[in-house]
Amino acid sequence: MTTLLQDHHCGAIVGDHGTGKTTLLRDVTETLSSSLGDATTILLSRDPSQSWWRRLWQRHFNARTVLSHLQTCPKKRPDPLLIIVDGAEQLSWLANWRLRRWARRTGHFVLVTSHCPLRGYVTLFQTEVNPQMISHLLNQLSKRTDALGQRRIRQIMLNHDLDTVVNLRDFWFDLYDEYAKLGSQPLSTTPAESHT
């Protein structure tokens, strides 16, 4: 990631909702910062249930947030900066263009997360959810709990078709709720028994 970002100045972590973009970003920020310069993160968020007018206003507000931050960054400094924008798909094409132009003109770096590839940003990593990864994560979680917790996790795995999971974040929240419910119910060994 570091080498690609050094070569292109503008990079993206791309993936659907809840596939781990922000988590990956948190994990790599310290390493990237040590190689590329001081890191500043700008978190953009919006409510998907907003009206089209509210979404348009939010896009404008997000652009102002990012661009006003860039104005506070010194253009000439010995060490480059790393600007991280989490949720860059929420910026207008013009704001994204200005962000990329700023990076190239100043020699600084920009790393963004987005739900789709963005023009002018090299895709550094594509996040995705697959059943093998979910099984691996559940097995890792199972190792950190007692025998009763392990049985609960196995029961949850039996009750879910992991091929249908597309949003890992929502899946984890659902698992937490199911795990808590199982604490007040006797454990069964098959999905059919759990519905009777």
N, C-alpha and C. Protein backbone atom coordinates (compact mmCIF):
# COMPACT_ATOMS: atom_id res chain seq x y z
N MET A 1 0.82 -1.19 0.00
CA MET A 1 0.00 0.00 0.00
C MET A 1 0.86 1.26 0.00
N THR A 2 1.90 1.24 0.83
CA THR A 2 2.75 2.42 0.95
C THR A 2 3.39 2.77 -0.38
N THR A 3 3.93 1.76 -1.07
CA THR A 3 4.61 2.00 -2.34
C THR A 3 3.64 2.54 -3.39
N LEU A 4 2.46 1.95 -3.48
CA LEU A 4 1.46 2.44 -4.44
C LEU A 4 1.05 3.87 -4.13
N LEU A 5 0.87 4.17 -2.86
CA LEU A 5 0.47 5.52 -2.49
C LEU A 5 1.60 6.51 -2.76
N GLN A 6 2.84 6.10 -2.53
CA GLN A 6 3.97 6.99 -2.84
C GLN A 6 4.05 7.26 -4.34
N ASP A 7 3.76 6.24 -5.15
CA ASP A 7 3.83 6.41 -6.61
C ASP A 7 2.69 7.26 -7.16
N HIS A 8 1.50 7.13 -6.60
CA HIS A 8 0.32 7.77 -7.18
C HIS A 8 -0.22 8.96 -6.39
N HIS A 9 0.20 9.13 -5.16
CA HIS A 9 -0.23 10.20 -4.25
C HIS A 9 -1.68 10.10 -3.80
N CYS A 10 -2.54 9.42 -4.58
CA CYS A 10 -3.96 9.31 -4.24
C CYS A 10 -4.38 7.85 -4.35
N GLY A 11 -4.80 7.27 -3.23
CA GLY A 11 -5.19 5.86 -3.23
C GLY A 11 -6.51 5.66 -2.53
N ALA A 12 -7.13 4.51 -2.81
CA ALA A 12 -8.45 4.21 -2.23
C ALA A 12 -8.52 2.78 -1.73
N ILE A 13 -9.23 2.62 -0.62
CA ILE A 13 -9.67 1.32 -0.14
C ILE A 13 -11.14 1.24 -0.53
N VAL A 14 -11.49 0.25 -1.32
CA VAL A 14 -12.82 0.18 -1.93
C VAL A 14 -13.55 -1.07 -1.43
N GLY A 15 -14.85 -0.93 -1.17
CA GLY A 15 -15.66 -2.08 -0.78
C GLY A 15 -17.06 -1.66 -0.39
N ASP A 16 -17.96 -2.64 -0.36
CA ASP A 16 -19.35 -2.40 -0.02
C ASP A 16 -19.49 -2.01 1.45
N HIS A 17 -20.70 -1.58 1.82
CA HIS A 17 -21.01 -1.26 3.22
C HIS A 17 -20.65 -2.44 4.12
N GLY A 18 -20.00 -2.14 5.24
CA GLY A 18 -19.79 -3.15 6.26
C GLY A 18 -18.78 -4.23 5.92
N THR A 19 -17.88 -3.98 4.96
CA THR A 19 -16.91 -5.01 4.59
C THR A 19 -15.53 -4.78 5.21
N GLY A 20 -15.40 -3.77 6.06
CA GLY A 20 -14.16 -3.60 6.80
C GLY A 20 -13.23 -2.50 6.30
N LYS A 21 -13.73 -1.57 5.50
CA LYS A 21 -12.87 -0.51 4.99
C LYS A 21 -12.31 0.35 6.11
N THR A 22 -13.16 0.81 7.00
CA THR A 22 -12.72 1.69 8.08
C THR A 22 -11.85 0.92 9.07
N THR A 23 -12.17 -0.32 9.32
CA THR A 23 -11.35 -1.15 10.21
C THR A 23 -9.95 -1.31 9.63
N LEU A 24 -9.87 -1.62 8.34
CA LEU A 24 -8.57 -1.73 7.68
C LEU A 24 -7.83 -0.41 7.74
N LEU A 25 -8.55 0.66 7.50
CA LEU A 25 -7.94 1.99 7.55
C LEU A 25 -7.31 2.26 8.91
N ARG A 26 -8.04 1.94 9.97
CA ARG A 26 -7.50 2.12 11.33
C ARG A 26 -6.24 1.28 11.54
N ASP A 27 -6.25 0.06 10.99
CA ASP A 27 -5.11 -0.84 11.18
C ASP A 27 -3.86 -0.38 10.45
N VAL A 28 -4.01 0.26 9.30
CA VAL A 28 -2.84 0.63 8.50
C VAL A 28 -2.40 2.07 8.68
N THR A 29 -3.20 2.89 9.36
CA THR A 29 -2.88 4.32 9.47
C THR A 29 -1.53 4.56 10.12
N GLU A 30 -1.24 3.88 11.20
CA GLU A 30 0.03 4.11 11.89
C GLU A 30 1.22 3.75 11.01
N THR A 31 1.13 2.62 10.31
CA THR A 31 2.22 2.21 9.43
C THR A 31 2.39 3.19 8.28
N LEU A 32 1.29 3.58 7.66
CA LEU A 32 1.37 4.54 6.55
C LEU A 32 1.89 5.88 7.04
N SER A 33 1.46 6.30 8.20
CA SER A 33 1.89 7.58 8.75
C SER A 33 3.40 7.59 9.01
N SER A 34 3.93 6.47 9.46
CA SER A 34 5.37 6.42 9.72
C SER A 34 6.17 6.49 8.42
N SER A 35 5.58 6.07 7.32
CA SER A 35 6.28 6.09 6.04
C SER A 35 5.99 7.34 5.21
N LEU A 36 4.77 7.87 5.34
CA LEU A 36 4.34 8.94 4.43
C LEU A 36 4.21 10.31 5.08
N GLY A 37 4.13 10.39 6.39
CA GLY A 37 3.99 11.68 7.05
C GLY A 37 2.81 11.68 8.01
N ASP A 38 2.69 12.78 8.75
CA ASP A 38 1.62 12.91 9.74
C ASP A 38 0.27 12.67 9.09
N ALA A 39 -0.57 11.88 9.76
CA ALA A 39 -1.88 11.53 9.21
C ALA A 39 -2.98 12.32 9.91
N THR A 40 -3.92 12.79 9.10
CA THR A 40 -5.13 13.43 9.60
C THR A 40 -6.31 12.73 8.97
N THR A 41 -7.27 12.31 9.79
CA THR A 41 -8.44 11.59 9.28
C THR A 41 -9.67 12.48 9.32
N ILE A 42 -10.40 12.48 8.21
CA ILE A 42 -11.67 13.19 8.12
C ILE A 42 -12.74 12.13 7.87
N LEU A 43 -13.67 12.00 8.80
CA LEU A 43 -14.72 11.00 8.70
C LEU A 43 -15.99 11.65 8.16
N LEU A 44 -16.43 11.19 6.99
CA LEU A 44 -17.67 11.68 6.39
C LEU A 44 -18.74 10.63 6.61
N SER A 45 -19.90 11.05 7.04
CA SER A 45 -20.98 10.09 7.23
C SER A 45 -22.29 10.73 6.81
N ARG A 46 -23.23 9.87 6.48
CA ARG A 46 -24.55 10.37 6.13
C ARG A 46 -25.57 9.29 6.43
N ASP A 47 -26.79 9.71 6.57
CA ASP A 47 -27.90 8.81 6.83
C ASP A 47 -28.51 8.41 5.50
N PRO A 48 -28.48 7.10 5.15
CA PRO A 48 -29.01 6.69 3.84
C PRO A 48 -30.50 6.92 3.67
N SER A 49 -31.22 7.17 4.76
CA SER A 49 -32.66 7.39 4.65
C SER A 49 -33.00 8.86 4.39
N GLN A 50 -31.99 9.71 4.25
CA GLN A 50 -32.23 11.13 4.02
C GLN A 50 -32.89 11.36 2.66
N SER A 51 -33.62 12.45 2.57
CA SER A 51 -34.23 12.85 1.30
C SER A 51 -33.14 13.26 0.32
N TRP A 52 -33.47 13.30 -0.96
CA TRP A 52 -32.46 13.66 -1.97
C TRP A 52 -31.94 15.07 -1.72
N TRP A 53 -32.80 15.97 -1.25
CA TRP A 53 -32.37 17.34 -0.97
C TRP A 53 -31.38 17.36 0.20
N ARG A 54 -31.64 16.60 1.23
CA ARG A 54 -30.76 16.53 2.39
C ARG A 54 -29.42 15.89 2.00
N ARG A 55 -29.47 14.85 1.16
CA ARG A 55 -28.22 14.21 0.70
C ARG A 55 -27.39 15.19 -0.11
N LEU A 56 -28.04 16.01 -0.96
CA LEU A 56 -27.33 17.01 -1.75
C LEU A 56 -26.67 18.04 -0.83
N TRP A 57 -27.42 18.50 0.17
CA TRP A 57 -26.86 19.45 1.12
C TRP A 57 -25.69 18.83 1.87
N GLN A 58 -25.83 17.55 2.27
CA GLN A 58 -24.77 16.86 3.00
C GLN A 58 -23.51 16.73 2.14
N ARG A 59 -23.68 16.47 0.86
CA ARG A 59 -22.54 16.37 -0.05
C ARG A 59 -21.80 17.71 -0.12
N HIS A 60 -22.56 18.79 -0.19
CA HIS A 60 -21.96 20.13 -0.20
C HIS A 60 -21.23 20.40 1.12
N PHE A 61 -21.85 20.07 2.23
CA PHE A 61 -21.24 20.26 3.54
C PHE A 61 -19.95 19.43 3.66
N ASN A 62 -19.98 18.17 3.21
CA ASN A 62 -18.79 17.31 3.25
C ASN A 62 -17.65 17.93 2.44
N ALA A 63 -17.97 18.45 1.26
CA ALA A 63 -16.95 19.07 0.41
C ALA A 63 -16.33 20.26 1.14
N ARG A 64 -17.16 21.08 1.76
CA ARG A 64 -16.64 22.25 2.49
C ARG A 64 -15.74 21.81 3.64
N THR A 65 -16.13 20.74 4.33
CA THR A 65 -15.33 20.23 5.44
C THR A 65 -13.93 19.83 4.97
N VAL A 66 -13.88 19.04 3.90
CA VAL A 66 -12.60 18.56 3.39
C VAL A 66 -11.77 19.71 2.83
N LEU A 67 -12.36 20.54 2.00
CA LEU A 67 -11.60 21.61 1.35
C LEU A 67 -11.14 22.66 2.35
N SER A 68 -11.93 22.95 3.37
CA SER A 68 -11.48 23.91 4.38
C SER A 68 -10.32 23.33 5.19
N HIS A 69 -10.33 22.01 5.39
CA HIS A 69 -9.19 21.38 6.08
C HIS A 69 -7.92 21.50 5.24
N LEU A 70 -8.05 21.32 3.93
CA LEU A 70 -6.87 21.42 3.07
C LEU A 70 -6.27 22.82 3.11
N GLN A 71 -7.12 23.83 3.26
CA GLN A 71 -6.63 25.21 3.32
C GLN A 71 -5.80 25.47 4.57
N THR A 72 -6.02 24.69 5.61
CA THR A 72 -5.24 24.88 6.84
C THR A 72 -3.90 24.15 6.79
N CYS A 73 -3.73 23.26 5.82
CA CYS A 73 -2.47 22.51 5.70
C CYS A 73 -1.44 23.38 5.00
N PRO A 74 -0.24 23.44 5.55
CA PRO A 74 0.81 24.22 4.88
C PRO A 74 1.18 23.59 3.53
N LYS A 75 1.26 24.42 2.50
CA LYS A 75 1.58 23.90 1.17
C LYS A 75 3.03 23.47 1.07
N LYS A 76 3.90 24.23 1.68
CA LYS A 76 5.32 23.90 1.62
C LYS A 76 5.77 23.51 3.01
N ARG A 77 6.15 22.27 3.14
CA ARG A 77 6.71 21.80 4.39
C ARG A 77 7.67 20.67 4.06
N PRO A 78 8.68 20.47 4.88
CA PRO A 78 9.68 19.45 4.56
C PRO A 78 9.13 18.04 4.56
N ASP A 79 8.20 17.76 5.46
CA ASP A 79 7.64 16.41 5.55
C ASP A 79 6.24 16.41 4.94
N PRO A 80 5.95 15.39 4.15
CA PRO A 80 4.60 15.34 3.55
C PRO A 80 3.54 15.00 4.59
N LEU A 81 2.31 15.28 4.24
CA LEU A 81 1.16 14.94 5.07
C LEU A 81 0.38 13.81 4.42
N LEU A 82 -0.33 13.05 5.23
CA LEU A 82 -1.25 12.04 4.74
C LEU A 82 -2.65 12.44 5.19
N ILE A 83 -3.50 12.79 4.23
CA ILE A 83 -4.88 13.14 4.53
C ILE A 83 -5.73 11.92 4.22
N ILE A 84 -6.51 11.48 5.20
CA ILE A 84 -7.36 10.31 5.05
C ILE A 84 -8.81 10.77 5.07
N VAL A 85 -9.57 10.40 4.04
CA VAL A 85 -10.99 10.76 3.97
C VAL A 85 -11.78 9.46 3.95
N ASP A 86 -12.46 9.20 5.04
CA ASP A 86 -13.26 7.98 5.17
C ASP A 86 -14.68 8.29 4.69
N GLY A 87 -15.02 7.78 3.50
CA GLY A 87 -16.34 8.02 2.91
C GLY A 87 -16.29 8.97 1.74
N ALA A 88 -15.25 8.89 0.91
CA ALA A 88 -15.06 9.85 -0.17
C ALA A 88 -16.13 9.79 -1.26
N GLU A 89 -16.90 8.70 -1.32
CA GLU A 89 -17.98 8.65 -2.31
C GLU A 89 -19.05 9.69 -1.99
N GLN A 90 -19.00 10.25 -0.79
CA GLN A 90 -19.96 11.27 -0.38
C GLN A 90 -19.54 12.67 -0.81
N LEU A 91 -18.41 12.78 -1.48
CA LEU A 91 -17.96 14.06 -2.02
C LEU A 91 -18.40 14.19 -3.47
N SER A 92 -18.58 15.39 -3.91
CA SER A 92 -18.88 15.63 -5.32
C SER A 92 -17.64 15.32 -6.16
N TRP A 93 -17.83 15.14 -7.46
CA TRP A 93 -16.68 14.87 -8.32
C TRP A 93 -15.72 16.05 -8.29
N LEU A 94 -16.25 17.27 -8.16
CA LEU A 94 -15.40 18.46 -8.12
C LEU A 94 -14.54 18.48 -6.85
N ALA A 95 -15.14 18.14 -5.72
CA ALA A 95 -14.38 18.11 -4.47
C ALA A 95 -13.30 17.03 -4.52
N ASN A 96 -13.63 15.87 -5.10
CA ASN A 96 -12.62 14.82 -5.26
C ASN A 96 -11.50 15.27 -6.18
N TRP A 97 -11.86 15.95 -7.25
CA TRP A 97 -10.84 16.46 -8.18
C TRP A 97 -9.93 17.46 -7.48
N ARG A 98 -10.51 18.36 -6.69
CA ARG A 98 -9.71 19.36 -5.97
C ARG A 98 -8.80 18.69 -4.93
N LEU A 99 -9.29 17.64 -4.29
CA LEU A 99 -8.50 16.90 -3.32
C LEU A 99 -7.29 16.24 -4.00
N ARG A 100 -7.54 15.61 -5.14
CA ARG A 100 -6.44 14.98 -5.89
C ARG A 100 -5.43 16.02 -6.39
N ARG A 101 -5.93 17.13 -6.92
CA ARG A 101 -5.06 18.20 -7.42
C ARG A 101 -4.20 18.76 -6.29
N TRP A 102 -4.80 18.95 -5.12
CA TRP A 102 -4.06 19.45 -3.97
C TRP A 102 -2.90 18.51 -3.62
N ALA A 103 -3.17 17.20 -3.63
CA ALA A 103 -2.12 16.22 -3.28
C ALA A 103 -0.97 16.29 -4.28
N ARG A 104 -1.31 16.35 -5.55
CA ARG A 104 -0.25 16.36 -6.56
C ARG A 104 0.55 17.65 -6.54
N ARG A 105 -0.11 18.78 -6.33
CA ARG A 105 0.58 20.07 -6.32
C ARG A 105 1.47 20.24 -5.09
N THR A 106 1.05 19.70 -3.96
CA THR A 106 1.79 19.92 -2.71
C THR A 106 2.77 18.80 -2.39
N GLY A 107 2.63 17.66 -3.07
CA GLY A 107 3.49 16.53 -2.75
C GLY A 107 3.00 15.73 -1.56
N HIS A 108 1.80 16.04 -1.06
CA HIS A 108 1.21 15.31 0.05
C HIS A 108 0.47 14.08 -0.49
N PHE A 109 -0.09 13.29 0.42
CA PHE A 109 -0.76 12.04 0.03
C PHE A 109 -2.21 12.05 0.51
N VAL A 110 -3.07 11.39 -0.26
CA VAL A 110 -4.48 11.27 0.08
C VAL A 110 -4.87 9.80 0.01
N LEU A 111 -5.48 9.31 1.08
CA LEU A 111 -6.01 7.96 1.13
C LEU A 111 -7.49 8.07 1.46
N VAL A 112 -8.33 7.43 0.65
CA VAL A 112 -9.77 7.51 0.87
C VAL A 112 -10.37 6.12 0.96
N THR A 113 -11.56 6.04 1.57
CA THR A 113 -12.37 4.84 1.46
C THR A 113 -13.57 5.21 0.61
N SER A 114 -14.07 4.21 -0.12
CA SER A 114 -15.21 4.46 -0.99
C SER A 114 -15.93 3.15 -1.27
N HIS A 115 -17.21 3.25 -1.59
CA HIS A 115 -17.98 2.06 -1.92
C HIS A 115 -17.74 1.60 -3.35
N CYS A 116 -17.14 2.45 -4.17
CA CYS A 116 -16.85 2.09 -5.55
C CYS A 116 -15.53 2.76 -5.95
N PRO A 117 -14.88 2.24 -6.99
CA PRO A 117 -13.65 2.89 -7.44
C PRO A 117 -13.92 4.35 -7.83
N LEU A 118 -12.99 5.23 -7.50
CA LEU A 118 -13.13 6.64 -7.81
C LEU A 118 -12.10 7.04 -8.86
N ARG A 119 -12.52 7.84 -9.79
CA ARG A 119 -11.64 8.31 -10.85
C ARG A 119 -10.47 9.09 -10.25
N GLY A 120 -9.27 8.77 -10.69
CA GLY A 120 -8.08 9.47 -10.23
C GLY A 120 -7.42 8.87 -8.99
N TYR A 121 -8.06 7.87 -8.39
CA TYR A 121 -7.49 7.21 -7.21
C TYR A 121 -7.13 5.78 -7.61
N VAL A 122 -5.92 5.36 -7.29
CA VAL A 122 -5.55 3.97 -7.53
C VAL A 122 -6.16 3.13 -6.40
N THR A 123 -6.79 2.01 -6.75
CA THR A 123 -7.36 1.13 -5.74
C THR A 123 -6.23 0.36 -5.08
N LEU A 124 -6.03 0.62 -3.79
CA LEU A 124 -4.97 -0.03 -3.03
C LEU A 124 -5.41 -1.38 -2.49
N PHE A 125 -6.71 -1.46 -2.16
CA PHE A 125 -7.23 -2.71 -1.60
C PHE A 125 -8.73 -2.74 -1.81
N GLN A 126 -9.25 -3.92 -2.15
CA GLN A 126 -10.68 -4.14 -2.33
C GLN A 126 -11.15 -5.04 -1.19
N THR A 127 -12.04 -4.53 -0.34
CA THR A 127 -12.56 -5.35 0.76
C THR A 127 -13.77 -6.12 0.29
N GLU A 128 -13.92 -7.30 0.85
CA GLU A 128 -15.09 -8.13 0.52
C GLU A 128 -15.34 -9.11 1.66
N VAL A 129 -16.54 -9.60 1.71
CA VAL A 129 -16.93 -10.58 2.72
C VAL A 129 -17.12 -11.91 2.01
N ASN A 130 -16.57 -12.98 2.61
CA ASN A 130 -16.80 -14.32 2.07
C ASN A 130 -16.99 -15.29 3.24
N PRO A 131 -17.64 -16.41 2.98
CA PRO A 131 -17.95 -17.36 4.07
C PRO A 131 -16.71 -17.88 4.80
N GLN A 132 -15.63 -18.08 4.07
CA GLN A 132 -14.40 -18.59 4.71
C GLN A 132 -13.87 -17.58 5.73
N MET A 133 -13.91 -16.29 5.38
CA MET A 133 -13.43 -15.27 6.29
C MET A 133 -14.31 -15.22 7.54
N ILE A 134 -15.62 -15.28 7.35
CA ILE A 134 -16.53 -15.23 8.49
C ILE A 134 -16.31 -16.45 9.39
N SER A 135 -16.17 -17.63 8.79
CA SER A 135 -15.90 -18.84 9.60
C SER A 135 -14.60 -18.70 10.37
N HIS A 136 -13.58 -18.17 9.71
CA HIS A 136 -12.29 -17.97 10.38
C HIS A 136 -12.44 -17.01 11.56
N LEU A 137 -13.16 -15.89 11.35
CA LEU A 137 -13.35 -14.93 12.43
C LEU A 137 -14.15 -15.52 13.59
N LEU A 138 -15.17 -16.30 13.26
CA LEU A 138 -15.97 -16.95 14.31
C LEU A 138 -15.13 -17.97 15.08
N ASN A 139 -14.28 -18.70 14.38
CA ASN A 139 -13.39 -19.66 15.05
C ASN A 139 -12.40 -18.94 15.96
N GLN A 140 -11.88 -17.79 15.49
CA GLN A 140 -10.97 -17.01 16.33
C GLN A 140 -11.69 -16.51 17.58
N LEU A 141 -12.93 -16.05 17.40
CA LEU A 141 -13.74 -15.59 18.52
C LEU A 141 -14.02 -16.74 19.49
N SER A 142 -14.29 -17.91 18.94
CA SER A 142 -14.60 -19.09 19.75
C SER A 142 -13.41 -19.46 20.65
N LYS A 143 -12.20 -19.30 20.16
CA LYS A 143 -11.01 -19.64 20.94
C LYS A 143 -10.84 -18.74 22.16
N ARG A 144 -11.49 -17.58 22.14
CA ARG A 144 -11.34 -16.62 23.24
C ARG A 144 -12.44 -16.74 24.29
N THR A 145 -13.23 -17.77 24.21
CA THR A 145 -14.35 -17.90 25.15
C THR A 145 -14.32 -19.28 25.81
N ASP A 146 -15.18 -19.46 26.78
CA ASP A 146 -15.25 -20.74 27.49
C ASP A 146 -16.05 -21.76 26.67
N ALA A 147 -16.21 -22.98 27.21
CA ALA A 147 -16.88 -24.06 26.49
C ALA A 147 -18.33 -23.71 26.15
N LEU A 148 -19.02 -23.07 27.08
CA LEU A 148 -20.41 -22.68 26.82
C LEU A 148 -20.47 -21.66 25.68
N GLY A 149 -19.58 -20.69 25.70
CA GLY A 149 -19.53 -19.70 24.62
C GLY A 149 -19.21 -20.34 23.29
N GLN A 150 -18.32 -21.32 23.28
CA GLN A 150 -17.98 -22.03 22.04
C GLN A 150 -19.20 -22.76 21.49
N ARG A 151 -19.99 -23.39 22.37
CA ARG A 151 -21.21 -24.07 21.90
C ARG A 151 -22.21 -23.07 21.33
N ARG A 152 -22.31 -21.91 21.96
CA ARG A 152 -23.22 -20.87 21.46
C ARG A 152 -22.79 -20.41 20.07
N ILE A 153 -21.52 -20.19 19.90
CA ILE A 153 -21.01 -19.74 18.59
C ILE A 153 -21.25 -20.82 17.54
N ARG A 154 -21.01 -22.09 17.88
CA ARG A 154 -21.28 -23.18 16.92
C ARG A 154 -22.76 -23.20 16.54
N GLN A 155 -23.64 -23.01 17.53
CA GLN A 155 -25.07 -23.01 17.23
C GLN A 155 -25.43 -21.85 16.30
N ILE A 156 -24.87 -20.70 16.54
CA ILE A 156 -25.13 -19.55 15.67
C ILE A 156 -24.66 -19.85 14.25
N MET A 157 -23.48 -20.48 14.13
CA MET A 157 -22.97 -20.82 12.80
C MET A 157 -23.91 -21.79 12.08
N LEU A 158 -24.50 -22.73 12.83
CA LEU A 158 -25.44 -23.67 12.22
C LEU A 158 -26.72 -22.98 11.75
N ASN A 159 -27.10 -21.91 12.41
CA ASN A 159 -28.35 -21.22 12.09
C ASN A 159 -28.22 -20.22 10.94
N HIS A 160 -27.01 -19.98 10.45
CA HIS A 160 -26.79 -18.97 9.41
C HIS A 160 -26.20 -19.57 8.16
N ASP A 161 -26.68 -19.09 7.03
CA ASP A 161 -26.06 -19.41 5.75
C ASP A 161 -25.03 -18.30 5.48
N LEU A 162 -23.77 -18.61 5.72
CA LEU A 162 -22.72 -17.59 5.61
C LEU A 162 -22.53 -17.10 4.19
N ASP A 163 -23.02 -17.85 3.19
CA ASP A 163 -22.94 -17.41 1.80
C ASP A 163 -23.81 -16.18 1.53
N THR A 164 -24.78 -15.93 2.38
CA THR A 164 -25.71 -14.81 2.15
C THR A 164 -25.28 -13.53 2.85
N VAL A 165 -24.24 -13.57 3.65
CA VAL A 165 -23.80 -12.39 4.39
C VAL A 165 -23.05 -11.45 3.44
N VAL A 166 -23.51 -10.20 3.36
CA VAL A 166 -22.83 -9.21 2.53
C VAL A 166 -22.32 -8.04 3.35
N ASN A 167 -22.89 -7.83 4.54
CA ASN A 167 -22.48 -6.73 5.40
C ASN A 167 -21.99 -7.32 6.72
N LEU A 168 -20.68 -7.37 6.87
CA LEU A 168 -20.08 -8.00 8.04
C LEU A 168 -20.41 -7.25 9.32
N ARG A 169 -20.45 -5.94 9.26
CA ARG A 169 -20.75 -5.14 10.45
C ARG A 169 -22.14 -5.48 10.99
N ASP A 170 -23.15 -5.50 10.11
CA ASP A 170 -24.50 -5.84 10.54
C ASP A 170 -24.57 -7.28 11.04
N PHE A 171 -23.83 -8.17 10.39
CA PHE A 171 -23.79 -9.58 10.80
C PHE A 171 -23.27 -9.69 12.23
N TRP A 172 -22.20 -8.94 12.57
CA TRP A 172 -21.64 -8.98 13.92
C TRP A 172 -22.64 -8.47 14.95
N PHE A 173 -23.37 -7.40 14.60
CA PHE A 173 -24.39 -6.89 15.53
C PHE A 173 -25.48 -7.93 15.75
N ASP A 174 -25.92 -8.58 14.67
CA ASP A 174 -26.93 -9.63 14.79
C ASP A 174 -26.41 -10.80 15.64
N LEU A 175 -25.16 -11.17 15.42
CA LEU A 175 -24.57 -12.26 16.21
C LEU A 175 -24.53 -11.92 17.69
N TYR A 176 -24.19 -10.68 17.98
CA TYR A 176 -24.15 -10.25 19.37
C TYR A 176 -25.52 -10.43 20.01
N ASP A 177 -26.56 -9.99 19.30
CA ASP A 177 -27.93 -10.13 19.82
C ASP A 177 -28.29 -11.60 20.01
N GLU A 178 -27.97 -12.42 19.02
CA GLU A 178 -28.28 -13.86 19.13
C GLU A 178 -27.51 -14.50 20.26
N TYR A 179 -26.26 -14.14 20.41
CA TYR A 179 -25.42 -14.69 21.47
C TYR A 179 -26.04 -14.35 22.84
N ALA A 180 -26.49 -13.11 22.98
CA ALA A 180 -27.11 -12.68 24.24
C ALA A 180 -28.41 -13.45 24.49
N LYS A 181 -29.21 -13.68 23.45
CA LYS A 181 -30.45 -14.45 23.59
C LYS A 181 -30.17 -15.89 24.00
N LEU A 182 -29.13 -16.48 23.44
CA LEU A 182 -28.79 -17.86 23.76
C LEU A 182 -28.41 -18.02 25.22
N GLY A 183 -27.96 -16.94 25.83
CA GLY A 183 -27.60 -17.00 27.24
C GLY A 183 -28.79 -17.32 28.13
N SER A 184 -30.01 -17.04 27.64
CA SER A 184 -31.20 -17.30 28.45
C SER A 184 -32.00 -18.50 27.95
N GLN A 185 -31.44 -19.24 26.96
CA GLN A 185 -32.13 -20.40 26.41
C GLN A 185 -31.21 -21.62 26.47
N PRO A 186 -31.82 -22.82 26.55
CA PRO A 186 -30.98 -24.02 26.47
C PRO A 186 -30.42 -24.15 25.05
N LEU A 187 -29.21 -24.68 24.95
CA LEU A 187 -28.56 -24.83 23.65
C LEU A 187 -29.07 -26.07 22.93
N SER A 188 -29.24 -25.96 21.62
CA SER A 188 -29.58 -27.11 20.79
C SER A 188 -28.42 -27.37 19.85
N THR A 189 -28.45 -28.51 19.19
CA THR A 189 -27.33 -28.87 18.33
C THR A 189 -27.62 -28.71 16.86
N THR A 190 -28.87 -28.55 16.47
CA THR A 190 -29.20 -28.39 15.06
C THR A 190 -30.11 -27.18 14.89
N PRO A 191 -30.12 -26.59 13.69
CA PRO A 191 -30.97 -25.43 13.48
C PRO A 191 -32.43 -25.73 13.69
N ALA A 192 -32.89 -26.94 13.34
CA ALA A 192 -34.30 -27.30 13.48
C ALA A 192 -34.72 -27.28 14.95
N GLU A 193 -33.86 -27.78 15.84
CA GLU A 193 -34.19 -27.81 17.26
C GLU A 193 -34.31 -26.40 17.84
N SER A 194 -33.57 -25.44 17.28
CA SER A 194 -33.59 -24.10 17.85
C SER A 194 -34.87 -23.36 17.54
N HIS A 195 -35.66 -23.85 16.57
CA HIS A 195 -36.91 -23.17 16.21
C HIS A 195 -38.13 -23.82 16.84
N THR A 196 -37.97 -24.88 17.59
CA THR A 196 -39.10 -25.56 18.20
C THR A 196 -39.36 -25.08 19.60
